[in-house]
């Protein structure tokens, strides 16, 4: 893995420690669950059945796995053990239906394929974005759905500045919406929905559904 990625992972661990330091555990978990439920309601091209196998790729300590307590869910993150050690807000025992694994997006492989794969707030944290998209597509069942959330640059000049400095140490990958869409199409996936969730000056926050 690149030096930049390793630095980003250390920064990510510290960011979560600072962010959650003064947040009540139960209140935060309740707020995050409601956030995920609200986001799912916006995804008109996503139909999740009771028997759907779900993968939460790059799940973090409060991933969308929270919203599926009755499903067969696998969730992985390179920092999953650190989150359990560092954060009272995350314990594997909170989610008995979820199988947690320690892995990165580029190389996760447990021999299974999934009906729905979520990659939320994670794809721009990776060391190799093309390899990550390829692996997510490989893990998807035929006619499955891949859901990816992205921070997409609005201005080319800032995109290139952030790549060079970098201006955003937590996110080694800096791309615009057209480039993120191209990554999906390169895996022979059709983009079924692109939903802008939050506009901002530098980045707009989107979720894309592909299959």
C-alpha atoms as a PDB file:
ATOM      1  CA  UNK A   1       0.000   0.000   0.000  1.00  0.00           C
ATOM      2  CA  UNK A   2       1.156   3.563  -0.671  1.00  0.00           C
ATOM      3  CA  UNK A   3       2.605   5.804   2.002  1.00  0.00           C
ATOM      4  CA  UNK A   4      -0.219   8.266   1.364  1.00  0.00           C
ATOM      5  CA  UNK A   5      -2.826   5.562   2.060  1.00  0.00           C
ATOM      6  CA  UNK A   6      -1.112   4.543   5.296  1.00  0.00           C
ATOM      7  CA  UNK A   7      -1.063   8.167   6.458  1.00  0.00           C
ATOM      8  CA  UNK A   8      -4.742   8.511   5.532  1.00  0.00           C
ATOM      9  CA  UNK A   9      -5.628   5.422   7.581  1.00  0.00           C
ATOM     10  CA  UNK A  10      -3.852   6.768  10.663  1.00  0.00           C
ATOM     11  CA  UNK A  11      -5.645  10.084  10.199  1.00  0.00           C
ATOM     12  CA  UNK A  12      -8.970   8.282   9.795  1.00  0.00           C
ATOM     13  CA  UNK A  13      -8.520   6.454  13.098  1.00  0.00           C
ATOM     14  CA  UNK A  14      -7.731   9.702  14.919  1.00  0.00           C
ATOM     15  CA  UNK A  15     -10.618  11.503  13.214  1.00  0.00           C
ATOM     16  CA  UNK A  16     -13.143   9.007  14.570  1.00  0.00           C
ATOM     17  CA  UNK A  17     -11.670   9.253  18.050  1.00  0.00           C
ATOM     18  CA  UNK A  18     -12.029  13.027  18.042  1.00  0.00           C
ATOM     19  CA  UNK A  19     -15.449  13.034  16.370  1.00  0.00           C
ATOM     20  CA  UNK A  20     -17.044  10.602  18.816  1.00  0.00           C
ATOM     21  CA  UNK A  21     -15.194  11.669  21.943  1.00  0.00           C
ATOM     22  CA  UNK A  22     -18.073  13.656  23.492  1.00  0.00           C
ATOM     23  CA  UNK A  23     -20.995  11.916  21.800  1.00  0.00           C
ATOM     24  CA  UNK A  24     -23.331   9.757  23.870  1.00  0.00           C
ATOM     25  CA  UNK A  25     -23.154   6.182  22.599  1.00  0.00           C
ATOM     26  CA  UNK A  26     -26.879   5.434  22.424  1.00  0.00           C
ATOM     27  CA  UNK A  27     -27.816   8.838  21.040  1.00  0.00           C
ATOM     28  CA  UNK A  28     -25.202   8.643  18.311  1.00  0.00           C
ATOM     29  CA  UNK A  29     -26.144   5.119  17.266  1.00  0.00           C
ATOM     30  CA  UNK A  30     -29.822   6.107  17.114  1.00  0.00           C
ATOM     31  CA  UNK A  31     -29.043   9.202  15.045  1.00  0.00           C
ATOM     32  CA  UNK A  32     -26.874   7.237  12.639  1.00  0.00           C
ATOM     33  CA  UNK A  33     -29.486   4.525  12.174  1.00  0.00           C
ATOM     34  CA  UNK A  34     -32.107   7.154  11.301  1.00  0.00           C
ATOM     35  CA  UNK A  35     -29.657   8.732   8.866  1.00  0.00           C
ATOM     36  CA  UNK A  36     -29.210   5.445   7.014  1.00  0.00           C
ATOM     37  CA  UNK A  37     -32.944   4.799   6.918  1.00  0.00           C
ATOM     38  CA  UNK A  38     -33.532   8.246   5.415  1.00  0.00           C
ATOM     39  CA  UNK A  39     -30.873   7.686   2.783  1.00  0.00           C
ATOM     40  CA  UNK A  40     -32.310   4.306   1.792  1.00  0.00           C
ATOM     41  CA  UNK A  41     -35.709   5.910   1.209  1.00  0.00           C
ATOM     42  CA  UNK A  42     -34.119   8.066  -1.510  1.00  0.00           C
ATOM     43  CA  UNK A  43     -32.817   5.100  -3.505  1.00  0.00           C
ATOM     44  CA  UNK A  44     -35.667   4.367  -5.893  1.00  0.00           C
ATOM     45  CA  UNK A  45     -33.608   1.874  -7.913  1.00  0.00           C
ATOM     46  CA  UNK A  46     -32.809  -0.323  -4.926  1.00  0.00           C
ATOM     47  CA  UNK A  47     -35.089  -3.187  -3.965  1.00  0.00           C
ATOM     48  CA  UNK A  48     -33.887  -5.244  -1.001  1.00  0.00           C
ATOM     49  CA  UNK A  49     -35.724  -8.480  -0.267  1.00  0.00           C
ATOM     50  CA  UNK A  50     -35.813 -10.374   3.065  1.00  0.00           C
ATOM     51  CA  UNK A  51     -33.423 -12.992   1.683  1.00  0.00           C
ATOM     52  CA  UNK A  52     -30.941 -10.550   0.137  1.00  0.00           C
ATOM     53  CA  UNK A  53     -27.264 -11.055   0.976  1.00  0.00           C
ATOM     54  CA  UNK A  54     -25.739  -7.673   1.798  1.00  0.00           C
ATOM     55  CA  UNK A  55     -22.127  -6.506   1.851  1.00  0.00           C
ATOM     56  CA  UNK A  56     -21.046  -3.264   3.547  1.00  0.00           C
ATOM     57  CA  UNK A  57     -17.625  -2.515   2.033  1.00  0.00           C
ATOM     58  CA  UNK A  58     -15.433  -0.100   3.982  1.00  0.00           C
ATOM     59  CA  UNK A  59     -18.088  -0.061   6.678  1.00  0.00           C
ATOM     60  CA  UNK A  60     -16.452   2.075   9.372  1.00  0.00           C
ATOM     61  CA  UNK A  61     -17.729   1.979  12.964  1.00  0.00           C
ATOM     62  CA  UNK A  62     -21.311   2.998  12.145  1.00  0.00           C
ATOM     63  CA  UNK A  63     -22.010   1.649   8.679  1.00  0.00           C
ATOM     64  CA  UNK A  64     -25.200   0.999   6.798  1.00  0.00           C
ATOM     65  CA  UNK A  65     -25.137  -2.559   8.161  1.00  0.00           C
ATOM     66  CA  UNK A  66     -26.962  -0.997  11.129  1.00  0.00           C
ATOM     67  CA  UNK A  67     -30.110  -0.696   9.003  1.00  0.00           C
ATOM     68  CA  UNK A  68     -30.432  -4.442   8.260  1.00  0.00           C
ATOM     69  CA  UNK A  69     -30.780  -6.348  11.544  1.00  0.00           C
ATOM     70  CA  UNK A  70     -32.786  -9.164   9.914  1.00  0.00           C
ATOM     71  CA  UNK A  71     -30.544  -9.763   6.890  1.00  0.00           C
ATOM     72  CA  UNK A  72     -27.456 -11.828   6.179  1.00  0.00           C
ATOM     73  CA  UNK A  73     -24.817  -9.085   6.291  1.00  0.00           C
ATOM     74  CA  UNK A  74     -21.049  -9.085   5.891  1.00  0.00           C
ATOM     75  CA  UNK A  75     -19.132  -5.895   6.684  1.00  0.00           C
ATOM     76  CA  UNK A  76     -15.437  -5.197   6.330  1.00  0.00           C
ATOM     77  CA  UNK A  77     -12.978  -2.390   6.940  1.00  0.00           C
ATOM     78  CA  UNK A  78      -9.169  -2.265   7.300  1.00  0.00           C
ATOM     79  CA  UNK A  79      -9.609  -0.517  10.685  1.00  0.00           C
ATOM     80  CA  UNK A  80     -12.402  -2.640  12.135  1.00  0.00           C
ATOM     81  CA  UNK A  81     -10.317  -3.998  15.029  1.00  0.00           C
ATOM     82  CA  UNK A  82      -9.047  -0.502  15.840  1.00  0.00           C
ATOM     83  CA  UNK A  83     -12.594   0.833  15.955  1.00  0.00           C
ATOM     84  CA  UNK A  84     -13.621  -1.801  18.462  1.00  0.00           C
ATOM     85  CA  UNK A  85     -10.546  -1.048  20.581  1.00  0.00           C
ATOM     86  CA  UNK A  86     -10.871   2.743  20.373  1.00  0.00           C
ATOM     87  CA  UNK A  87     -14.596   3.483  20.326  1.00  0.00           C
ATOM     88  CA  UNK A  88     -17.333   2.534  22.787  1.00  0.00           C
ATOM     89  CA  UNK A  89     -19.786   3.439  19.995  1.00  0.00           C
ATOM     90  CA  UNK A  90     -18.813   0.293  18.072  1.00  0.00           C
ATOM     91  CA  UNK A  91     -18.849  -3.258  19.360  1.00  0.00           C
ATOM     92  CA  UNK A  92     -19.303  -6.282  17.115  1.00  0.00           C
ATOM     93  CA  UNK A  93     -21.686  -7.683  19.721  1.00  0.00           C
ATOM     94  CA  UNK A  94     -24.136  -4.848  18.950  1.00  0.00           C
ATOM     95  CA  UNK A  95     -24.817  -6.514  15.578  1.00  0.00           C
ATOM     96  CA  UNK A  96     -25.151 -10.300  15.985  1.00  0.00           C
ATOM     97  CA  UNK A  97     -26.309 -10.814  12.379  1.00  0.00           C
ATOM     98  CA  UNK A  98     -23.231  -9.120  10.890  1.00  0.00           C
ATOM     99  CA  UNK A  99     -19.992 -10.936  10.098  1.00  0.00           C
ATOM    100  CA  UNK A 100     -17.182  -8.401  10.456  1.00  0.00           C
ATOM    101  CA  UNK A 101     -13.916  -8.830   8.562  1.00  0.00           C
ATOM    102  CA  UNK A 102     -10.660  -6.899   8.474  1.00  0.00           C
ATOM    103  CA  UNK A 103      -9.798  -6.107   4.855  1.00  0.00           C
ATOM    104  CA  UNK A 104      -9.440  -3.370   2.281  1.00  0.00           C
ATOM    105  CA  UNK A 105     -11.623  -2.772  -0.752  1.00  0.00           C
ATOM    106  CA  UNK A 106      -8.929  -3.882  -3.161  1.00  0.00           C
ATOM    107  CA  UNK A 107      -8.476  -7.405  -1.811  1.00  0.00           C
ATOM    108  CA  UNK A 108     -11.538  -8.502   0.179  1.00  0.00           C
ATOM    109  CA  UNK A 109     -12.581 -12.017  -0.840  1.00  0.00           C
ATOM    110  CA  UNK A 110     -14.501 -14.495   1.307  1.00  0.00           C
ATOM    111  CA  UNK A 111     -15.656 -16.696  -1.548  1.00  0.00           C
ATOM    112  CA  UNK A 112     -19.197 -15.274  -1.620  1.00  0.00           C
ATOM    113  CA  UNK A 113     -21.204 -12.992  -3.878  1.00  0.00           C
ATOM    114  CA  UNK A 114     -23.869 -10.501  -2.861  1.00  0.00           C
ATOM    115  CA  UNK A 115     -27.251  -9.229  -3.992  1.00  0.00           C
ATOM    116  CA  UNK A 116     -26.539  -5.711  -2.706  1.00  0.00           C
ATOM    117  CA  UNK A 117     -23.154  -4.130  -2.038  1.00  0.00           C
ATOM    118  CA  UNK A 118     -22.877  -0.804  -0.247  1.00  0.00           C
ATOM    119  CA  UNK A 119     -19.675   1.231  -0.314  1.00  0.00           C
ATOM    120  CA  UNK A 120     -20.543   4.318   1.683  1.00  0.00           C
ATOM    121  CA  UNK A 121     -18.052   7.122   2.361  1.00  0.00           C
ATOM    122  CA  UNK A 122     -15.190   4.749   1.568  1.00  0.00           C
ATOM    123  CA  UNK A 123     -14.234   4.640  -2.118  1.00  0.00           C
ATOM    124  CA  UNK A 124     -12.114   7.797  -1.951  1.00  0.00           C
ATOM    125  CA  UNK A 125     -10.164   6.380   1.034  1.00  0.00           C
ATOM    126  CA  UNK A 126      -8.590   3.538  -0.953  1.00  0.00           C
ATOM    127  CA  UNK A 127      -5.035   2.995  -2.187  1.00  0.00           C
ATOM    128  CA  UNK A 128      -6.076   1.775  -5.672  1.00  0.00           C
ATOM    129  CA  UNK A 129      -9.469   3.000  -6.826  1.00  0.00           C
ATOM    130  CA  UNK A 130      -9.621   1.056 -10.115  1.00  0.00           C
ATOM    131  CA  UNK A 131      -8.796  -2.196  -8.345  1.00  0.00           C
ATOM    132  CA  UNK A 132     -11.395  -1.374  -5.684  1.00  0.00           C
ATOM    133  CA  UNK A 133     -14.196  -0.844  -8.208  1.00  0.00           C
ATOM    134  CA  UNK A 134     -13.158  -4.028 -10.025  1.00  0.00           C
ATOM    135  CA  UNK A 135     -13.307  -6.028  -6.807  1.00  0.00           C
ATOM    136  CA  UNK A 136     -16.715  -4.624  -5.851  1.00  0.00           C
ATOM    137  CA  UNK A 137     -18.066  -5.560  -9.288  1.00  0.00           C
ATOM    138  CA  UNK A 138     -16.589  -9.058  -8.988  1.00  0.00           C
ATOM    139  CA  UNK A 139     -18.338  -9.579  -5.637  1.00  0.00           C
ATOM    140  CA  UNK A 140     -21.731  -8.647  -7.071  1.00  0.00           C
ATOM    141  CA  UNK A 141     -24.243 -11.324  -8.106  1.00  0.00           C
ATOM    142  CA  UNK A 142     -25.771 -11.136 -11.594  1.00  0.00           C
ATOM    143  CA  UNK A 143     -28.560  -8.523 -11.522  1.00  0.00           C
ATOM    144  CA  UNK A 144     -27.261  -7.303  -8.143  1.00  0.00           C
ATOM    145  CA  UNK A 145     -26.949  -3.675  -7.102  1.00  0.00           C
ATOM    146  CA  UNK A 146     -23.850  -1.701  -6.160  1.00  0.00           C
ATOM    147  CA  UNK A 147     -24.444   1.468  -4.126  1.00  0.00           C
ATOM    148  CA  UNK A 148     -21.504   3.876  -3.798  1.00  0.00           C
ATOM    149  CA  UNK A 149     -21.426   7.268  -2.104  1.00  0.00           C
ATOM    150  CA  UNK A 150     -18.853   9.799  -3.291  1.00  0.00           C
ATOM    151  CA  UNK A 151     -17.492  13.279  -2.664  1.00  0.00           C
ATOM    152  CA  UNK A 152     -17.208  14.617  -6.210  1.00  0.00           C
ATOM    153  CA  UNK A 153     -15.097  17.658  -7.049  1.00  0.00           C
ATOM    154  CA  UNK A 154     -16.909  20.625  -8.578  1.00  0.00           C
ATOM    155  CA  UNK A 155     -13.830  22.496  -9.842  1.00  0.00           C
ATOM    156  CA  UNK A 156     -10.966  21.028 -11.848  1.00  0.00           C
ATOM    157  CA  UNK A 157      -8.397  23.407 -10.410  1.00  0.00           C
ATOM    158  CA  UNK A 158      -9.089  22.325  -6.832  1.00  0.00           C
ATOM    159  CA  UNK A 159      -9.163  18.668  -7.863  1.00  0.00           C
ATOM    160  CA  UNK A 160      -5.623  18.932  -9.209  1.00  0.00           C
ATOM    161  CA  UNK A 161      -4.437  21.015  -6.253  1.00  0.00           C
ATOM    162  CA  UNK A 162      -5.805  18.459  -3.773  1.00  0.00           C
ATOM    163  CA  UNK A 163      -4.129  15.652  -5.688  1.00  0.00           C
ATOM    164  CA  UNK A 164      -0.787  17.443  -5.573  1.00  0.00           C
ATOM    165  CA  UNK A 165      -0.701  18.655  -1.964  1.00  0.00           C
ATOM    166  CA  UNK A 166      -2.836  16.718  -0.854  1.00  0.00           C
ATOM    167  CA  UNK A 167      -5.394  19.158   0.506  1.00  0.00           C
ATOM    168  CA  UNK A 168      -7.527  16.438   2.050  1.00  0.00           C
ATOM    169  CA  UNK A 169      -5.317  13.908   3.830  1.00  0.00           C
ATOM    170  CA  UNK A 170      -8.197  11.580   4.745  1.00  0.00           C
ATOM    171  CA  UNK A 171      -9.031  11.021   1.087  1.00  0.00           C
ATOM    172  CA  UNK A 172      -6.170   9.877  -1.181  1.00  0.00           C
ATOM    173  CA  UNK A 173      -8.553   9.730  -4.179  1.00  0.00           C
ATOM    174  CA  UNK A 174      -9.745  13.006  -5.681  1.00  0.00           C
ATOM    175  CA  UNK A 175     -12.187  12.760  -8.619  1.00  0.00           C
ATOM    176  CA  UNK A 176     -15.211  14.466 -10.151  1.00  0.00           C
ATOM    177  CA  UNK A 177     -18.631  12.973 -10.876  1.00  0.00           C
ATOM    178  CA  UNK A 178     -17.827  12.141 -14.492  1.00  0.00           C
ATOM    179  CA  UNK A 179     -14.752  10.185 -13.418  1.00  0.00           C
ATOM    180  CA  UNK A 180     -16.622   8.257 -10.707  1.00  0.00           C
ATOM    181  CA  UNK A 181     -19.315   7.380 -13.242  1.00  0.00           C
ATOM    182  CA  UNK A 182     -16.645   6.170 -15.653  1.00  0.00           C
ATOM    183  CA  UNK A 183     -15.204   3.833 -13.003  1.00  0.00           C
ATOM    184  CA  UNK A 184     -18.590   2.092 -12.787  1.00  0.00           C
ATOM    185  CA  UNK A 185     -19.015   1.865 -16.562  1.00  0.00           C
ATOM    186  CA  UNK A 186     -15.525   0.373 -16.890  1.00  0.00           C
ATOM    187  CA  UNK A 187     -16.857  -2.594 -14.896  1.00  0.00           C
ATOM    188  CA  UNK A 188     -19.733  -3.041 -17.377  1.00  0.00           C
ATOM    189  CA  UNK A 189     -22.198  -1.681 -14.833  1.00  0.00           C
ATOM    190  CA  UNK A 190     -25.088   0.579 -15.791  1.00  0.00           C
ATOM    191  CA  UNK A 191     -25.591   3.647 -13.621  1.00  0.00           C
ATOM    192  CA  UNK A 192     -29.255   3.466 -12.626  1.00  0.00           C
ATOM    193  CA  UNK A 193     -29.431   6.428 -10.245  1.00  0.00           C
ATOM    194  CA  UNK A 194     -27.226   9.356  -9.273  1.00  0.00           C
ATOM    195  CA  UNK A 195     -28.664  11.256  -6.330  1.00  0.00           C
ATOM    196  CA  UNK A 196     -27.145  14.457  -4.980  1.00  0.00           C
ATOM    197  CA  UNK A 197     -27.412  14.269  -1.198  1.00  0.00           C
ATOM    198  CA  UNK A 198     -25.534  17.396  -0.155  1.00  0.00           C
ATOM    199  CA  UNK A 199     -24.216  20.305  -2.237  1.00  0.00           C
ATOM    200  CA  UNK A 200     -21.104  22.243  -1.244  1.00  0.00           C
ATOM    201  CA  UNK A 201     -18.552  24.534  -2.874  1.00  0.00           C
ATOM    202  CA  UNK A 202     -15.620  22.154  -3.283  1.00  0.00           C
ATOM    203  CA  UNK A 203     -17.440  18.811  -3.343  1.00  0.00           C
ATOM    204  CA  UNK A 204     -20.987  17.679  -3.904  1.00  0.00           C
ATOM    205  CA  UNK A 205     -21.932  14.517  -2.042  1.00  0.00           C
ATOM    206  CA  UNK A 206     -23.672  11.918  -4.214  1.00  0.00           C
ATOM    207  CA  UNK A 207     -24.854   8.347  -4.040  1.00  0.00           C
ATOM    208  CA  UNK A 208     -24.817   6.222  -7.176  1.00  0.00           C
ATOM    209  CA  UNK A 209     -26.733   2.993  -7.745  1.00  0.00           C
ATOM    210  CA  UNK A 210     -25.382   0.684 -10.446  1.00  0.00           C
ATOM    211  CA  UNK A 211     -26.127  -2.802 -11.685  1.00  0.00           C
END
